[in-house]
């Protein structure tokens, strides 16, 4: 049986877009020659004028750029992004902004009057780079700490040496972070040579990119229980005891958010990052708790390099991860974490 195409794209499509679209199942593309300025998306008798933006890959940073581009279009013209690959968070941002997306992974998100197409694609393959080309640095580990340093002072003009010192990373890594963010259009550059400085141009997009790419690797953890009559006071008691024991730490998750903003009402578990220099079993003892397999109300975690402790704050007597790290941790928390992260961003971070 002959299957009809899901959607037909007709118009003066550029070569980059055409190459990508030809790899997408269910999409046909007709190149129109001559004086035809518009690209048309057709599904049956329904037609819409679109402007196509081709990208090799769309992450959250690229998604923010596309959202800005869409705002400059005439009301009757819709933006359609085509790409080799796209991330889940980028697809969500584009969908919320009403921007269509087609990628070579098979993801199709088109929501126009009379046309609604949604297909799930396959997982993206890792990007390939030439033998002599370093892949762009991901905002995780020490590079994630550098991004958090930039977010703490988004109006500051930075030299490479400034960022390296503040984030406690090598100048080479600081330079790679700047190069990555410049490529993604997230920083403004001024001057040249030794006087070259940079400043964050889109803090919202940078935070989204950090949340998308920050990953904790080789994490060690232990679950513990300690009788706590007051859930809100529990974090302060634990922080005091760990401090007295000389164990550097930072509370995260709902217990950390509860002191930065008043919206967190339930704290079933106190999540705490502790320094890798500490023994986990001894840390449990220092907290006055007992290790358990289930029914825990304390979770102690360690990551090599202590990156979760970067820029920690003492908030009302409790050592707490910085707001940007807290935002990323909350987004990964299955216990209403996404909702709490959004509130933290709205009421505390504010971009």
C-alpha atoms as a PDB file:
ATOM      1  CA  UNK A   1       0.000   0.000   0.000  1.00  0.00           C
ATOM      2  CA  UNK A   2       1.319   3.448  -0.871  1.00  0.00           C
ATOM      3  CA  UNK A   3       1.610   5.635   2.206  1.00  0.00           C
ATOM      4  CA  UNK A   4       0.826   9.314   1.786  1.00  0.00           C
ATOM      5  CA  UNK A   5       3.405  11.710   3.225  1.00  0.00           C
ATOM      6  CA  UNK A   6       2.694  13.171   6.639  1.00  0.00           C
ATOM      7  CA  UNK A   7       3.681  16.642   5.544  1.00  0.00           C
ATOM      8  CA  UNK A   8       4.951  18.249   2.371  1.00  0.00           C
ATOM      9  CA  UNK A   9       7.332  21.210   2.390  1.00  0.00           C
ATOM     10  CA  UNK A  10       7.329  23.155  -0.830  1.00  0.00           C
ATOM     11  CA  UNK A  11       9.480  26.148  -1.689  1.00  0.00           C
ATOM     12  CA  UNK A  12      13.002  27.491  -2.223  1.00  0.00           C
ATOM     13  CA  UNK A  13      14.556  25.317   0.478  1.00  0.00           C
ATOM     14  CA  UNK A  14      18.286  25.894   1.052  1.00  0.00           C
ATOM     15  CA  UNK A  15      20.682  22.994   0.594  1.00  0.00           C
ATOM     16  CA  UNK A  16      21.381  22.501   4.322  1.00  0.00           C
ATOM     17  CA  UNK A  17      17.670  22.195   5.103  1.00  0.00           C
ATOM     18  CA  UNK A  18      17.058  20.002   2.079  1.00  0.00           C
ATOM     19  CA  UNK A  19      19.818  17.590   3.109  1.00  0.00           C
ATOM     20  CA  UNK A  20      18.327  17.201   6.590  1.00  0.00           C
ATOM     21  CA  UNK A  21      14.710  16.939   5.467  1.00  0.00           C
ATOM     22  CA  UNK A  22      15.468  14.190   2.980  1.00  0.00           C
ATOM     23  CA  UNK A  23      16.571  11.996   5.893  1.00  0.00           C
ATOM     24  CA  UNK A  24      13.292  12.411   7.800  1.00  0.00           C
ATOM     25  CA  UNK A  25      10.688   9.675   7.223  1.00  0.00           C
ATOM     26  CA  UNK A  26       7.208  10.906   6.334  1.00  0.00           C
ATOM     27  CA  UNK A  27       8.356  14.294   5.061  1.00  0.00           C
ATOM     28  CA  UNK A  28       8.597  15.190   1.370  1.00  0.00           C
ATOM     29  CA  UNK A  29      10.303  18.312   0.077  1.00  0.00           C
ATOM     30  CA  UNK A  30       9.710  19.978  -3.272  1.00  0.00           C
ATOM     31  CA  UNK A  31      12.207  22.613  -4.382  1.00  0.00           C
ATOM     32  CA  UNK A  32      10.415  25.359  -6.283  1.00  0.00           C
ATOM     33  CA  UNK A  33      12.450  27.276  -8.846  1.00  0.00           C
ATOM     34  CA  UNK A  34      11.779  30.778 -10.053  1.00  0.00           C
ATOM     35  CA  UNK A  35      10.202  33.710  -8.254  1.00  0.00           C
ATOM     36  CA  UNK A  36       8.749  31.907  -5.224  1.00  0.00           C
ATOM     37  CA  UNK A  37       9.908  33.655  -2.037  1.00  0.00           C
ATOM     38  CA  UNK A  38       7.824  31.633   0.418  1.00  0.00           C
ATOM     39  CA  UNK A  39       8.177  28.132   1.802  1.00  0.00           C
ATOM     40  CA  UNK A  40       4.841  26.365   2.287  1.00  0.00           C
ATOM     41  CA  UNK A  41       3.998  23.547   4.702  1.00  0.00           C
ATOM     42  CA  UNK A  42       1.122  21.493   3.290  1.00  0.00           C
ATOM     43  CA  UNK A  43      -1.012  18.765   4.819  1.00  0.00           C
ATOM     44  CA  UNK A  44      -3.934  17.941   2.580  1.00  0.00           C
ATOM     45  CA  UNK A  45      -5.647  21.193   1.668  1.00  0.00           C
ATOM     46  CA  UNK A  46      -4.145  23.171   4.579  1.00  0.00           C
ATOM     47  CA  UNK A  47      -1.205  25.432   3.802  1.00  0.00           C
ATOM     48  CA  UNK A  48       0.930  27.685   5.975  1.00  0.00           C
ATOM     49  CA  UNK A  49       3.800  30.041   5.150  1.00  0.00           C
ATOM     50  CA  UNK A  50       6.944  29.178   7.105  1.00  0.00           C
ATOM     51  CA  UNK A  51      10.504  30.351   7.409  1.00  0.00           C
ATOM     52  CA  UNK A  52      12.965  27.492   7.753  1.00  0.00           C
ATOM     53  CA  UNK A  53      16.023  27.732   9.988  1.00  0.00           C
ATOM     54  CA  UNK A  54      18.553  24.947   9.518  1.00  0.00           C
ATOM     55  CA  UNK A  55      20.861  23.912  12.356  1.00  0.00           C
ATOM     56  CA  UNK A  56      23.321  21.057  12.688  1.00  0.00           C
ATOM     57  CA  UNK A  57      22.137  20.504  16.280  1.00  0.00           C
ATOM     58  CA  UNK A  58      19.639  22.282  18.513  1.00  0.00           C
ATOM     59  CA  UNK A  59      20.240  22.444  22.251  1.00  0.00           C
ATOM     60  CA  UNK A  60      18.638  24.833  24.729  1.00  0.00           C
ATOM     61  CA  UNK A  61      20.990  27.665  23.741  1.00  0.00           C
ATOM     62  CA  UNK A  62      20.049  27.331  20.057  1.00  0.00           C
ATOM     63  CA  UNK A  63      16.394  27.049  21.037  1.00  0.00           C
ATOM     64  CA  UNK A  64      16.539  30.438  22.767  1.00  0.00           C
ATOM     65  CA  UNK A  65      18.113  31.975  19.648  1.00  0.00           C
ATOM     66  CA  UNK A  66      15.334  30.529  17.495  1.00  0.00           C
ATOM     67  CA  UNK A  67      12.679  31.881  19.859  1.00  0.00           C
ATOM     68  CA  UNK A  68      14.151  35.368  19.455  1.00  0.00           C
ATOM     69  CA  UNK A  69      14.169  34.960  15.659  1.00  0.00           C
ATOM     70  CA  UNK A  70      10.505  33.915  15.655  1.00  0.00           C
ATOM     71  CA  UNK A  71       9.452  37.127  17.398  1.00  0.00           C
ATOM     72  CA  UNK A  72      10.778  39.172  14.456  1.00  0.00           C
ATOM     73  CA  UNK A  73       8.682  37.348  11.830  1.00  0.00           C
ATOM     74  CA  UNK A  74       5.453  38.754  10.320  1.00  0.00           C
ATOM     75  CA  UNK A  75       2.328  37.460  12.128  1.00  0.00           C
ATOM     76  CA  UNK A  76       1.292  35.237   9.198  1.00  0.00           C
ATOM     77  CA  UNK A  77       4.699  33.531   8.966  1.00  0.00           C
ATOM     78  CA  UNK A  78       5.655  30.628  11.204  1.00  0.00           C
ATOM     79  CA  UNK A  79       9.150  29.471  12.107  1.00  0.00           C
ATOM     80  CA  UNK A  80      10.148  25.887  11.382  1.00  0.00           C
ATOM     81  CA  UNK A  81      13.502  24.628  12.658  1.00  0.00           C
ATOM     82  CA  UNK A  82      15.189  21.687  10.986  1.00  0.00           C
ATOM     83  CA  UNK A  83      18.241  19.987  12.442  1.00  0.00           C
ATOM     84  CA  UNK A  84      20.315  16.861  12.428  1.00  0.00           C
ATOM     85  CA  UNK A  85      19.745  16.407  16.162  1.00  0.00           C
ATOM     86  CA  UNK A  86      17.846  18.120  18.950  1.00  0.00           C
ATOM     87  CA  UNK A  87      17.720  17.685  22.711  1.00  0.00           C
ATOM     88  CA  UNK A  88      14.593  16.916  24.681  1.00  0.00           C
ATOM     89  CA  UNK A  89      14.719  20.220  26.570  1.00  0.00           C
ATOM     90  CA  UNK A  90      15.217  22.164  23.329  1.00  0.00           C
ATOM     91  CA  UNK A  91      12.154  20.487  21.834  1.00  0.00           C
ATOM     92  CA  UNK A  92      10.138  21.447  24.911  1.00  0.00           C
ATOM     93  CA  UNK A  93      11.209  25.094  24.724  1.00  0.00           C
ATOM     94  CA  UNK A  94      10.406  25.318  21.008  1.00  0.00           C
ATOM     95  CA  UNK A  95       7.035  23.676  21.520  1.00  0.00           C
ATOM     96  CA  UNK A  96       6.091  26.148  24.266  1.00  0.00           C
ATOM     97  CA  UNK A  97       7.105  29.026  21.964  1.00  0.00           C
ATOM     98  CA  UNK A  98       4.989  27.688  19.089  1.00  0.00           C
ATOM     99  CA  UNK A  99       7.982  26.917  16.864  1.00  0.00           C
ATOM    100  CA  UNK A 100       7.880  23.826  14.664  1.00  0.00           C
ATOM    101  CA  UNK A 101      10.728  21.337  14.600  1.00  0.00           C
ATOM    102  CA  UNK A 102      11.812  18.533  12.299  1.00  0.00           C
ATOM    103  CA  UNK A 103      15.055  16.658  12.901  1.00  0.00           C
ATOM    104  CA  UNK A 104      16.856  13.775  11.251  1.00  0.00           C
ATOM    105  CA  UNK A 105      16.296  11.652  14.372  1.00  0.00           C
ATOM    106  CA  UNK A 106      12.653  11.486  13.301  1.00  0.00           C
ATOM    107  CA  UNK A 107      11.266  13.997  15.819  1.00  0.00           C
ATOM    108  CA  UNK A 108       8.509  16.108  14.292  1.00  0.00           C
ATOM    109  CA  UNK A 109       6.734  18.830  16.262  1.00  0.00           C
ATOM    110  CA  UNK A 110       4.404  20.911  14.097  1.00  0.00           C
ATOM    111  CA  UNK A 111       1.441  22.667  15.700  1.00  0.00           C
ATOM    112  CA  UNK A 112      -0.218  25.044  13.240  1.00  0.00           C
ATOM    113  CA  UNK A 113      -3.907  25.847  12.701  1.00  0.00           C
ATOM    114  CA  UNK A 114      -5.315  22.695  11.129  1.00  0.00           C
ATOM    115  CA  UNK A 115      -1.986  20.812  11.288  1.00  0.00           C
ATOM    116  CA  UNK A 116      -0.791  18.953  14.357  1.00  0.00           C
ATOM    117  CA  UNK A 117       1.992  16.419  13.889  1.00  0.00           C
ATOM    118  CA  UNK A 118       3.931  14.818  16.724  1.00  0.00           C
ATOM    119  CA  UNK A 119       6.295  11.912  16.217  1.00  0.00           C
ATOM    120  CA  UNK A 120       9.007  10.578  18.497  1.00  0.00           C
ATOM    121  CA  UNK A 121      12.406   9.938  16.971  1.00  0.00           C
ATOM    122  CA  UNK A 122      15.289   7.692  17.795  1.00  0.00           C
ATOM    123  CA  UNK A 123      18.088   8.586  20.181  1.00  0.00           C
ATOM    124  CA  UNK A 124      20.755  10.868  18.781  1.00  0.00           C
ATOM    125  CA  UNK A 125      24.162   9.485  17.943  1.00  0.00           C
ATOM    126  CA  UNK A 126      27.132  11.196  19.610  1.00  0.00           C
ATOM    127  CA  UNK A 127      28.513  14.086  17.566  1.00  0.00           C
ATOM    128  CA  UNK A 128      31.609  13.243  15.544  1.00  0.00           C
ATOM    129  CA  UNK A 129      34.503  15.649  15.254  1.00  0.00           C
ATOM    130  CA  UNK A 130      37.640  15.666  13.165  1.00  0.00           C
ATOM    131  CA  UNK A 131      40.790  14.026  14.485  1.00  0.00           C
ATOM    132  CA  UNK A 132      42.431  17.394  15.157  1.00  0.00           C
ATOM    133  CA  UNK A 133      39.373  19.182  16.521  1.00  0.00           C
ATOM    134  CA  UNK A 134      38.523  19.184  20.226  1.00  0.00           C
ATOM    135  CA  UNK A 135      34.810  18.578  20.843  1.00  0.00           C
ATOM    136  CA  UNK A 136      33.012  21.533  22.446  1.00  0.00           C
ATOM    137  CA  UNK A 137      33.200  21.320  26.225  1.00  0.00           C
ATOM    138  CA  UNK A 138      30.033  20.261  28.035  1.00  0.00           C
ATOM    139  CA  UNK A 139      28.860  22.267  31.030  1.00  0.00           C
ATOM    140  CA  UNK A 140      29.443  19.531  33.567  1.00  0.00           C
ATOM    141  CA  UNK A 141      32.099  18.875  36.163  1.00  0.00           C
ATOM    142  CA  UNK A 142      34.594  21.737  36.418  1.00  0.00           C
ATOM    143  CA  UNK A 143      33.167  23.345  33.270  1.00  0.00           C
ATOM    144  CA  UNK A 144      29.787  23.411  35.011  1.00  0.00           C
ATOM    145  CA  UNK A 145      31.393  25.232  37.934  1.00  0.00           C
ATOM    146  CA  UNK A 146      32.766  27.825  35.489  1.00  0.00           C
ATOM    147  CA  UNK A 147      29.246  28.320  34.101  1.00  0.00           C
ATOM    148  CA  UNK A 148      27.895  28.802  37.626  1.00  0.00           C
ATOM    149  CA  UNK A 149      30.583  31.433  38.263  1.00  0.00           C
ATOM    150  CA  UNK A 150      29.383  33.337  35.196  1.00  0.00           C
ATOM    151  CA  UNK A 151      25.752  33.071  36.311  1.00  0.00           C
ATOM    152  CA  UNK A 152      26.602  34.487  39.744  1.00  0.00           C
ATOM    153  CA  UNK A 153      27.852  37.707  38.088  1.00  0.00           C
ATOM    154  CA  UNK A 154      26.134  37.911  34.683  1.00  0.00           C
ATOM    155  CA  UNK A 155      26.855  41.637  34.254  1.00  0.00           C
ATOM    156  CA  UNK A 156      30.588  41.313  34.889  1.00  0.00           C
ATOM    157  CA  UNK A 157      33.183  41.574  32.133  1.00  0.00           C
ATOM    158  CA  UNK A 158      35.483  38.569  32.454  1.00  0.00           C
ATOM    159  CA  UNK A 159      39.022  37.797  31.327  1.00  0.00           C
ATOM    160  CA  UNK A 160      40.046  34.159  30.958  1.00  0.00           C
ATOM    161  CA  UNK A 161      42.296  34.500  34.014  1.00  0.00           C
ATOM    162  CA  UNK A 162      39.405  35.950  36.056  1.00  0.00           C
ATOM    163  CA  UNK A 163      37.147  32.992  35.329  1.00  0.00           C
ATOM    164  CA  UNK A 164      39.943  30.493  35.950  1.00  0.00           C
ATOM    165  CA  UNK A 165      40.667  32.025  39.369  1.00  0.00           C
ATOM    166  CA  UNK A 166      37.037  32.400  40.447  1.00  0.00           C
ATOM    167  CA  UNK A 167      35.975  28.905  39.365  1.00  0.00           C
ATOM    168  CA  UNK A 168      39.294  27.325  40.392  1.00  0.00           C
ATOM    169  CA  UNK A 169      39.801  25.767  36.964  1.00  0.00           C
ATOM    170  CA  UNK A 170      42.717  25.843  34.550  1.00  0.00           C
ATOM    171  CA  UNK A 171      43.011  28.794  32.122  1.00  0.00           C
ATOM    172  CA  UNK A 172      42.765  26.260  29.286  1.00  0.00           C
ATOM    173  CA  UNK A 173      39.383  25.015  30.531  1.00  0.00           C
ATOM    174  CA  UNK A 174      38.148  28.570  31.140  1.00  0.00           C
ATOM    175  CA  UNK A 175      39.068  29.430  27.544  1.00  0.00           C
ATOM    176  CA  UNK A 176      37.253  26.343  26.238  1.00  0.00           C
ATOM    177  CA  UNK A 177      34.123  27.286  28.201  1.00  0.00           C
ATOM    178  CA  UNK A 178      34.209  30.796  26.740  1.00  0.00           C
ATOM    179  CA  UNK A 179      34.718  29.401  23.221  1.00  0.00           C
ATOM    180  CA  UNK A 180      31.757  27.074  23.659  1.00  0.00           C
ATOM    181  CA  UNK A 181      29.460  29.805  24.942  1.00  0.00           C
ATOM    182  CA  UNK A 182      30.588  32.213  22.228  1.00  0.00           C
ATOM    183  CA  UNK A 183      29.738  29.589  19.621  1.00  0.00           C
ATOM    184  CA  UNK A 184      26.267  29.233  21.149  1.00  0.00           C
ATOM    185  CA  UNK A 185      25.717  32.996  21.221  1.00  0.00           C
ATOM    186  CA  UNK A 186      25.509  33.199  25.020  1.00  0.00           C
ATOM    187  CA  UNK A 187      28.293  35.709  25.659  1.00  0.00           C
ATOM    188  CA  UNK A 188      29.331  39.088  24.292  1.00  0.00           C
ATOM    189  CA  UNK A 189      32.992  39.614  23.420  1.00  0.00           C
ATOM    190  CA  UNK A 190      34.832  42.930  23.480  1.00  0.00           C
ATOM    191  CA  UNK A 191      38.442  43.852  22.732  1.00  0.00           C
ATOM    192  CA  UNK A 192      41.288  41.733  21.414  1.00  0.00           C
ATOM    193  CA  UNK A 193      44.437  40.070  22.680  1.00  0.00           C
ATOM    194  CA  UNK A 194      45.231  40.563  26.376  1.00  0.00           C
ATOM    195  CA  UNK A 195      42.410  43.107  26.653  1.00  0.00           C
ATOM    196  CA  UNK A 196      39.761  40.697  25.354  1.00  0.00           C
ATOM    197  CA  UNK A 197      36.862  40.410  27.812  1.00  0.00           C
ATOM    198  CA  UNK A 198      33.554  38.594  27.793  1.00  0.00           C
ATOM    199  CA  UNK A 199      30.172  38.993  29.449  1.00  0.00           C
ATOM    200  CA  UNK A 200      27.055  36.830  29.607  1.00  0.00           C
ATOM    201  CA  UNK A 201      24.543  38.035  27.018  1.00  0.00           C
ATOM    202  CA  UNK A 202      21.697  35.602  27.801  1.00  0.00           C
ATOM    203  CA  UNK A 203      21.672  34.337  31.388  1.00  0.00           C
ATOM    204  CA  UNK A 204      18.323  32.589  30.902  1.00  0.00           C
ATOM    205  CA  UNK A 205      19.673  30.485  28.050  1.00  0.00           C
ATOM    206  CA  UNK A 206      22.919  29.789  29.903  1.00  0.00           C
ATOM    207  CA  UNK A 207      21.045  28.461  32.933  1.00  0.00           C
ATOM    208  CA  UNK A 208      18.906  26.257  30.684  1.00  0.00           C
ATOM    209  CA  UNK A 209      22.030  24.918  29.003  1.00  0.00           C
ATOM    210  CA  UNK A 210      23.672  24.223  32.376  1.00  0.00           C
ATOM    211  CA  UNK A 211      20.586  22.356  33.606  1.00  0.00           C
ATOM    212  CA  UNK A 212      20.535  20.342  30.395  1.00  0.00           C
ATOM    213  CA  UNK A 213      24.197  19.302  30.440  1.00  0.00           C
ATOM    214  CA  UNK A 214      25.187  19.104  34.116  1.00  0.00           C
ATOM    215  CA  UNK A 215      25.624  15.466  35.107  1.00  0.00           C
ATOM    216  CA  UNK A 216      26.967  13.888  38.270  1.00  0.00           C
ATOM    217  CA  UNK A 217      29.377  11.052  37.633  1.00  0.00           C
ATOM    218  CA  UNK A 218      30.736   8.336  39.927  1.00  0.00           C
ATOM    219  CA  UNK A 219      28.510   9.490  42.778  1.00  0.00           C
ATOM    220  CA  UNK A 220      28.755   7.584  46.041  1.00  0.00           C
ATOM    221  CA  UNK A 221      25.827   7.760  48.410  1.00  0.00           C
ATOM    222  CA  UNK A 222      24.429   6.312  51.601  1.00  0.00           C
ATOM    223  CA  UNK A 223      20.894   6.395  52.981  1.00  0.00           C
ATOM    224  CA  UNK A 224      20.400   7.003  56.673  1.00  0.00           C
ATOM    225  CA  UNK A 225      17.704   7.646  59.241  1.00  0.00           C
ATOM    226  CA  UNK A 226      17.649   9.964  62.209  1.00  0.00           C
ATOM    227  CA  UNK A 227      14.595  10.672  64.325  1.00  0.00           C
ATOM    228  CA  UNK A 228      13.426  14.186  63.478  1.00  0.00           C
ATOM    229  CA  UNK A 229      10.423  15.794  65.113  1.00  0.00           C
ATOM    230  CA  UNK A 230      10.653  18.967  63.015  1.00  0.00           C
ATOM    231  CA  UNK A 231      11.423  18.370  59.323  1.00  0.00           C
ATOM    232  CA  UNK A 232      12.440  22.009  58.742  1.00  0.00           C
ATOM    233  CA  UNK A 233      14.844  22.034  61.697  1.00  0.00           C
ATOM    234  CA  UNK A 234      16.346  18.716  60.644  1.00  0.00           C
ATOM    235  CA  UNK A 235      18.627  20.222  57.977  1.00  0.00           C
ATOM    236  CA  UNK A 236      20.049  22.755  60.428  1.00  0.00           C
ATOM    237  CA  UNK A 237      20.770  20.107  63.057  1.00  0.00           C
ATOM    238  CA  UNK A 238      22.518  17.911  60.494  1.00  0.00           C
ATOM    239  CA  UNK A 239      24.514  20.837  59.094  1.00  0.00           C
ATOM    240  CA  UNK A 240      25.632  21.823  62.614  1.00  0.00           C
ATOM    241  CA  UNK A 241      26.739  18.292  63.419  1.00  0.00           C
ATOM    242  CA  UNK A 242      28.665  17.849  60.169  1.00  0.00           C
ATOM    243  CA  UNK A 243      30.328  21.243  60.682  1.00  0.00           C
ATOM    244  CA  UNK A 244      31.354  20.308  64.217  1.00  0.00           C
ATOM    245  CA  UNK A 245      32.880  17.117  62.797  1.00  0.00           C
ATOM    246  CA  UNK A 246      34.922  19.137  60.271  1.00  0.00           C
ATOM    247  CA  UNK A 247      33.033  17.664  57.300  1.00  0.00           C
ATOM    248  CA  UNK A 248      32.497  20.174  54.472  1.00  0.00           C
ATOM    249  CA  UNK A 249      29.027  19.791  53.003  1.00  0.00           C
ATOM    250  CA  UNK A 250      26.109  21.540  51.319  1.00  0.00           C
ATOM    251  CA  UNK A 251      22.406  20.795  51.658  1.00  0.00           C
ATOM    252  CA  UNK A 252      20.477  20.515  48.401  1.00  0.00           C
ATOM    253  CA  UNK A 253      17.019  19.453  47.188  1.00  0.00           C
ATOM    254  CA  UNK A 254      13.831  20.593  48.958  1.00  0.00           C
ATOM    255  CA  UNK A 255      15.676  21.060  52.265  1.00  0.00           C
ATOM    256  CA  UNK A 256      18.057  23.515  50.575  1.00  0.00           C
ATOM    257  CA  UNK A 257      15.256  25.325  48.753  1.00  0.00           C
ATOM    258  CA  UNK A 258      13.211  25.708  51.937  1.00  0.00           C
ATOM    259  CA  UNK A 259      15.621  28.345  53.270  1.00  0.00           C
ATOM    260  CA  UNK A 260      16.045  30.258  50.026  1.00  0.00           C
ATOM    261  CA  UNK A 261      12.323  30.504  49.311  1.00  0.00           C
ATOM    262  CA  UNK A 262       9.209  29.840  51.423  1.00  0.00           C
ATOM    263  CA  UNK A 263       7.294  27.708  48.898  1.00  0.00           C
ATOM    264  CA  UNK A 264       8.668  24.264  49.828  1.00  0.00           C
ATOM    265  CA  UNK A 265       6.214  22.660  52.251  1.00  0.00           C
ATOM    266  CA  UNK A 266       7.326  19.013  52.322  1.00  0.00           C
ATOM    267  CA  UNK A 267      10.836  17.807  53.147  1.00  0.00           C
ATOM    268  CA  UNK A 268      10.690  14.007  53.380  1.00  0.00           C
ATOM    269  CA  UNK A 269      14.432  13.590  52.854  1.00  0.00           C
ATOM    270  CA  UNK A 270      17.371  15.911  53.560  1.00  0.00           C
ATOM    271  CA  UNK A 271      19.816  15.614  50.640  1.00  0.00           C
ATOM    272  CA  UNK A 272      23.393  16.604  51.476  1.00  0.00           C
ATOM    273  CA  UNK A 273      26.499  16.722  49.321  1.00  0.00           C
ATOM    274  CA  UNK A 274      29.583  16.042  51.448  1.00  0.00           C
ATOM    275  CA  UNK A 275      33.244  16.402  50.603  1.00  0.00           C
ATOM    276  CA  UNK A 276      34.934  13.411  48.994  1.00  0.00           C
ATOM    277  CA  UNK A 277      37.593  13.681  51.694  1.00  0.00           C
ATOM    278  CA  UNK A 278      35.108  12.368  54.272  1.00  0.00           C
ATOM    279  CA  UNK A 279      34.305   8.723  54.901  1.00  0.00           C
ATOM    280  CA  UNK A 280      30.596   8.165  54.250  1.00  0.00           C
ATOM    281  CA  UNK A 281      30.096   5.822  57.210  1.00  0.00           C
ATOM    282  CA  UNK A 282      31.833   8.255  59.550  1.00  0.00           C
ATOM    283  CA  UNK A 283      29.722  11.092  58.145  1.00  0.00           C
ATOM    284  CA  UNK A 284      26.567   9.143  58.999  1.00  0.00           C
ATOM    285  CA  UNK A 285      27.842   8.743  62.561  1.00  0.00           C
ATOM    286  CA  UNK A 286      28.734  12.444  62.759  1.00  0.00           C
ATOM    287  CA  UNK A 287      25.163  13.279  61.728  1.00  0.00           C
ATOM    288  CA  UNK A 288      23.847  11.168  64.611  1.00  0.00           C
ATOM    289  CA  UNK A 289      22.112   8.827  62.171  1.00  0.00           C
ATOM    290  CA  UNK A 290      22.099   5.149  61.268  1.00  0.00           C
ATOM    291  CA  UNK A 291      22.511   3.675  57.769  1.00  0.00           C
ATOM    292  CA  UNK A 292      19.354   2.047  56.396  1.00  0.00           C
ATOM    293  CA  UNK A 293      18.272   0.296  53.219  1.00  0.00           C
ATOM    294  CA  UNK A 294      14.777   1.810  53.143  1.00  0.00           C
ATOM    295  CA  UNK A 295      12.738   4.328  55.083  1.00  0.00           C
ATOM    296  CA  UNK A 296      15.559   6.880  55.042  1.00  0.00           C
ATOM    297  CA  UNK A 297      15.164  10.589  55.747  1.00  0.00           C
ATOM    298  CA  UNK A 298      18.804  11.523  55.030  1.00  0.00           C
ATOM    299  CA  UNK A 299      20.750  11.029  51.804  1.00  0.00           C
ATOM    300  CA  UNK A 300      24.497  11.748  51.911  1.00  0.00           C
ATOM    301  CA  UNK A 301      26.229  11.996  48.513  1.00  0.00           C
ATOM    302  CA  UNK A 302      29.791  12.510  47.258  1.00  0.00           C
ATOM    303  CA  UNK A 303      31.150  13.366  43.825  1.00  0.00           C
ATOM    304  CA  UNK A 304      34.854  13.384  42.831  1.00  0.00           C
ATOM    305  CA  UNK A 305      36.209  16.911  42.734  1.00  0.00           C
ATOM    306  CA  UNK A 306      33.568  18.275  45.146  1.00  0.00           C
ATOM    307  CA  UNK A 307      31.986  20.301  42.330  1.00  0.00           C
ATOM    308  CA  UNK A 308      28.549  20.342  44.045  1.00  0.00           C
ATOM    309  CA  UNK A 309      30.129  22.324  46.911  1.00  0.00           C
ATOM    310  CA  UNK A 310      31.319  25.164  44.657  1.00  0.00           C
ATOM    311  CA  UNK A 311      30.091  28.592  45.819  1.00  0.00           C
ATOM    312  CA  UNK A 312      28.109  27.064  48.693  1.00  0.00           C
ATOM    313  CA  UNK A 313      26.280  29.515  50.950  1.00  0.00           C
ATOM    314  CA  UNK A 314      25.516  29.643  54.642  1.00  0.00           C
ATOM    315  CA  UNK A 315      21.781  30.334  54.752  1.00  0.00           C
ATOM    316  CA  UNK A 316      20.266  30.721  58.220  1.00  0.00           C
ATOM    317  CA  UNK A 317      23.030  28.605  59.690  1.00  0.00           C
ATOM    318  CA  UNK A 318      22.781  25.836  57.082  1.00  0.00           C
ATOM    319  CA  UNK A 319      25.482  25.240  54.476  1.00  0.00           C
ATOM    320  CA  UNK A 320      23.556  25.132  51.191  1.00  0.00           C
ATOM    321  CA  UNK A 321      24.517  24.621  47.554  1.00  0.00           C
ATOM    322  CA  UNK A 322      24.449  27.779  45.428  1.00  0.00           C
ATOM    323  CA  UNK A 323      21.076  28.614  43.782  1.00  0.00           C
ATOM    324  CA  UNK A 324      22.152  27.477  40.301  1.00  0.00           C
ATOM    325  CA  UNK A 325      23.383  24.114  41.527  1.00  0.00           C
ATOM    326  CA  UNK A 326      20.213  23.840  43.618  1.00  0.00           C
ATOM    327  CA  UNK A 327      18.084  24.525  40.536  1.00  0.00           C
ATOM    328  CA  UNK A 328      19.829  21.736  38.611  1.00  0.00           C
ATOM    329  CA  UNK A 329      19.539  19.290  41.522  1.00  0.00           C
ATOM    330  CA  UNK A 330      15.837  20.027  41.999  1.00  0.00           C
ATOM    331  CA  UNK A 331      15.091  19.446  38.314  1.00  0.00           C
ATOM    332  CA  UNK A 332      16.377  15.883  38.671  1.00  0.00           C
ATOM    333  CA  UNK A 333      14.491  15.218  41.913  1.00  0.00           C
ATOM    334  CA  UNK A 334      11.486  12.909  41.264  1.00  0.00           C
ATOM    335  CA  UNK A 335       9.695  14.314  44.333  1.00  0.00           C
ATOM    336  CA  UNK A 336       7.998  17.334  42.722  1.00  0.00           C
ATOM    337  CA  UNK A 337      11.459  18.577  41.804  1.00  0.00           C
ATOM    338  CA  UNK A 338      10.564  20.208  38.483  1.00  0.00           C
ATOM    339  CA  UNK A 339       7.789  22.258  40.108  1.00  0.00           C
ATOM    340  CA  UNK A 340      10.051  23.353  42.957  1.00  0.00           C
ATOM    341  CA  UNK A 341      12.884  24.193  40.545  1.00  0.00           C
ATOM    342  CA  UNK A 342      10.572  26.430  38.525  1.00  0.00           C
ATOM    343  CA  UNK A 343       9.461  28.256  41.665  1.00  0.00           C
ATOM    344  CA  UNK A 344      13.064  28.695  42.796  1.00  0.00           C
ATOM    345  CA  UNK A 345      13.936  30.147  39.419  1.00  0.00           C
ATOM    346  CA  UNK A 346      10.975  32.500  39.462  1.00  0.00           C
ATOM    347  CA  UNK A 347      11.317  33.762  43.035  1.00  0.00           C
ATOM    348  CA  UNK A 348      15.056  33.560  43.753  1.00  0.00           C
ATOM    349  CA  UNK A 349      17.099  33.390  40.563  1.00  0.00           C
ATOM    350  CA  UNK A 350      14.731  35.592  38.524  1.00  0.00           C
ATOM    351  CA  UNK A 351      15.994  34.826  35.029  1.00  0.00           C
END
